[in-house]
Amino acid sequence: MKVTGTSVNKVISMYEINKKQVGKTKEVTKNDTLEISKLGKTLSSFAEGGITSMSPEKLEKIRNEISNGTYKVNPRLIAEKMMEAMKGQVR
């Protein structure tokens, strides 16, 4: 195969054109975002002890009932509160 000056020039010019196009590409910066749901925020505040809607007297009464073995759990009330929490109705 014979390489002449004109074919080399074509290759060089094509390379230069391609080089310019690569330099023109924009850098796209993507930022990561995180959004915590209302339920997540509520659960987080419970875990941190931020929400205390119970009086100290009532809390002490429940602690005593648990330690005595007389505390009764109302499964229906628990299920209702869980459903409210899932629906976003917890205050």
C-alpha atoms as a PDB file:
ATOM      1  CA  MET A   1       0.000   0.000   0.000  1.00  0.00           C
ATOM      2  CA  LYS A   2       1.344   3.355  -0.977  1.00  0.00           C
ATOM      3  CA  VAL A   3       0.865   6.251   1.431  1.00  0.00           C
ATOM      4  CA  THR A   4       0.935   9.639  -0.204  1.00  0.00           C
ATOM      5  CA  GLY A   5       1.104  13.082   1.332  1.00  0.00           C
ATOM      6  CA  THR A   6      -2.561  13.816   0.662  1.00  0.00           C
ATOM      7  CA  SER A   7      -3.859  10.778   2.522  1.00  0.00           C
ATOM      8  CA  VAL A   8      -1.649  11.565   5.529  1.00  0.00           C
ATOM      9  CA  ASN A   9      -2.986  15.119   5.544  1.00  0.00           C
ATOM     10  CA  LYS A  10      -6.570  13.809   5.514  1.00  0.00           C
ATOM     11  CA  VAL A  11      -5.845  11.607   8.518  1.00  0.00           C
ATOM     12  CA  ILE A  12      -4.225  14.489  10.393  1.00  0.00           C
ATOM     13  CA  SER A  13      -7.110  16.858   9.637  1.00  0.00           C
ATOM     14  CA  MET A  14      -9.670  14.256  10.733  1.00  0.00           C
ATOM     15  CA  TYR A  15      -7.690  13.777  13.951  1.00  0.00           C
ATOM     16  CA  GLU A  16      -7.630  17.534  14.611  1.00  0.00           C
ATOM     17  CA  ILE A  17     -11.393  17.837  14.020  1.00  0.00           C
ATOM     18  CA  ASN A  18     -12.072  14.961  16.396  1.00  0.00           C
ATOM     19  CA  LYS A  19      -9.706  16.446  18.986  1.00  0.00           C
ATOM     20  CA  LYS A  20     -11.603  19.772  18.920  1.00  0.00           C
ATOM     21  CA  GLN A  21     -14.952  18.023  19.332  1.00  0.00           C
ATOM     22  CA  VAL A  22     -13.728  16.084  22.354  1.00  0.00           C
ATOM     23  CA  GLY A  23     -12.553  19.317  23.972  1.00  0.00           C
ATOM     24  CA  LYS A  24     -15.999  20.888  23.529  1.00  0.00           C
ATOM     25  CA  THR A  25     -17.902  18.311  25.583  1.00  0.00           C
ATOM     26  CA  LYS A  26     -19.458  19.735  28.702  1.00  0.00           C
ATOM     27  CA  GLU A  27     -18.718  18.380  32.103  1.00  0.00           C
ATOM     28  CA  VAL A  28     -21.966  17.427  33.724  1.00  0.00           C
ATOM     29  CA  THR A  29     -21.911  17.443  37.475  1.00  0.00           C
ATOM     30  CA  LYS A  30     -24.501  15.369  39.211  1.00  0.00           C
ATOM     31  CA  ASN A  31     -25.314  15.922  42.832  1.00  0.00           C
ATOM     32  CA  ASP A  32     -26.539  13.162  45.077  1.00  0.00           C
ATOM     33  CA  THR A  33     -29.654  13.987  47.027  1.00  0.00           C
ATOM     34  CA  LEU A  34     -31.300  12.333  49.975  1.00  0.00           C
ATOM     35  CA  GLU A  35     -34.847  12.908  51.121  1.00  0.00           C
ATOM     36  CA  ILE A  36     -36.167  11.457  54.354  1.00  0.00           C
ATOM     37  CA  SER A  37     -39.876  10.717  54.480  1.00  0.00           C
ATOM     38  CA  LYS A  38     -42.167  12.100  57.152  1.00  0.00           C
ATOM     39  CA  LEU A  39     -42.468   8.625  58.668  1.00  0.00           C
ATOM     40  CA  GLY A  40     -38.685   8.297  58.713  1.00  0.00           C
ATOM     41  CA  LYS A  41     -38.337  11.604  60.526  1.00  0.00           C
ATOM     42  CA  THR A  42     -40.970  10.567  63.058  1.00  0.00           C
ATOM     43  CA  LEU A  43     -39.289   7.229  63.690  1.00  0.00           C
ATOM     44  CA  SER A  44     -35.929   8.948  63.999  1.00  0.00           C
ATOM     45  CA  SER A  45     -37.240  11.352  66.610  1.00  0.00           C
ATOM     46  CA  PHE A  46     -38.696   8.427  68.570  1.00  0.00           C
ATOM     47  CA  ALA A  47     -35.335   6.663  68.467  1.00  0.00           C
ATOM     48  CA  GLU A  48     -33.577   9.772  69.758  1.00  0.00           C
ATOM     49  CA  GLY A  49     -36.117  10.217  72.533  1.00  0.00           C
ATOM     50  CA  GLY A  50     -37.264  13.521  71.061  1.00  0.00           C
ATOM     51  CA  ILE A  51     -40.973  12.869  71.394  1.00  0.00           C
ATOM     52  CA  THR A  52     -42.316  12.124  74.844  1.00  0.00           C
ATOM     53  CA  SER A  53     -46.072  12.273  74.873  1.00  0.00           C
ATOM     54  CA  MET A  54     -46.352  10.264  78.079  1.00  0.00           C
ATOM     55  CA  SER A  55     -46.321  11.684  81.569  1.00  0.00           C
ATOM     56  CA  PRO A  56     -43.599  10.408  83.905  1.00  0.00           C
ATOM     57  CA  GLU A  57     -46.271   8.989  86.233  1.00  0.00           C
ATOM     58  CA  LYS A  58     -47.886   6.952  83.474  1.00  0.00           C
ATOM     59  CA  LEU A  59     -44.483   5.753  82.304  1.00  0.00           C
ATOM     60  CA  GLU A  60     -43.575   4.631  85.824  1.00  0.00           C
ATOM     61  CA  LYS A  61     -46.922   2.819  86.154  1.00  0.00           C
ATOM     62  CA  ILE A  62     -46.272   0.904  82.923  1.00  0.00           C
ATOM     63  CA  ARG A  63     -42.730   0.034  84.043  1.00  0.00           C
ATOM     64  CA  ASN A  64     -44.094  -1.361  87.313  1.00  0.00           C
ATOM     65  CA  GLU A  65     -46.767  -3.389  85.510  1.00  0.00           C
ATOM     66  CA  ILE A  66     -44.144  -4.848  83.168  1.00  0.00           C
ATOM     67  CA  SER A  67     -41.827  -5.786  86.028  1.00  0.00           C
ATOM     68  CA  ASN A  68     -44.763  -7.330  87.970  1.00  0.00           C
ATOM     69  CA  GLY A  69     -45.977  -9.209  84.898  1.00  0.00           C
ATOM     70  CA  THR A  70     -49.389  -7.547  84.965  1.00  0.00           C
ATOM     71  CA  TYR A  71     -49.016  -5.323  81.877  1.00  0.00           C
ATOM     72  CA  LYS A  72     -51.520  -6.243  79.163  1.00  0.00           C
ATOM     73  CA  VAL A  73     -50.841  -5.435  75.534  1.00  0.00           C
ATOM     74  CA  ASN A  74     -53.767  -4.388  73.360  1.00  0.00           C
ATOM     75  CA  PRO A  75     -52.888  -5.896  69.959  1.00  0.00           C
ATOM     76  CA  ARG A  76     -55.746  -4.081  68.217  1.00  0.00           C
ATOM     77  CA  LEU A  77     -54.491  -0.693  69.416  1.00  0.00           C
ATOM     78  CA  ILE A  78     -50.956  -1.542  68.305  1.00  0.00           C
ATOM     79  CA  ALA A  79     -52.189  -2.619  64.868  1.00  0.00           C
ATOM     80  CA  GLU A  80     -54.257   0.564  64.490  1.00  0.00           C
ATOM     81  CA  LYS A  81     -51.294   2.769  65.415  1.00  0.00           C
ATOM     82  CA  MET A  82     -49.049   0.885  62.995  1.00  0.00           C
ATOM     83  CA  MET A  83     -51.557   1.397  60.184  1.00  0.00           C
ATOM     84  CA  GLU A  84     -51.867   5.102  61.017  1.00  0.00           C
ATOM     85  CA  ALA A  85     -48.086   5.417  60.968  1.00  0.00           C
ATOM     86  CA  MET A  86     -47.865   3.722  57.577  1.00  0.00           C
ATOM     87  CA  LYS A  87     -50.522   6.049  56.214  1.00  0.00           C
ATOM     88  CA  GLY A  88     -48.660   9.080  57.556  1.00  0.00           C
ATOM     89  CA  GLN A  89     -51.310  10.016  60.079  1.00  0.00           C
ATOM     90  CA  VAL A  90     -49.119   9.862  63.184  1.00  0.00           C
ATOM     91  CA  ARG A  91     -48.863  13.159  65.019  1.00  0.00           C
END
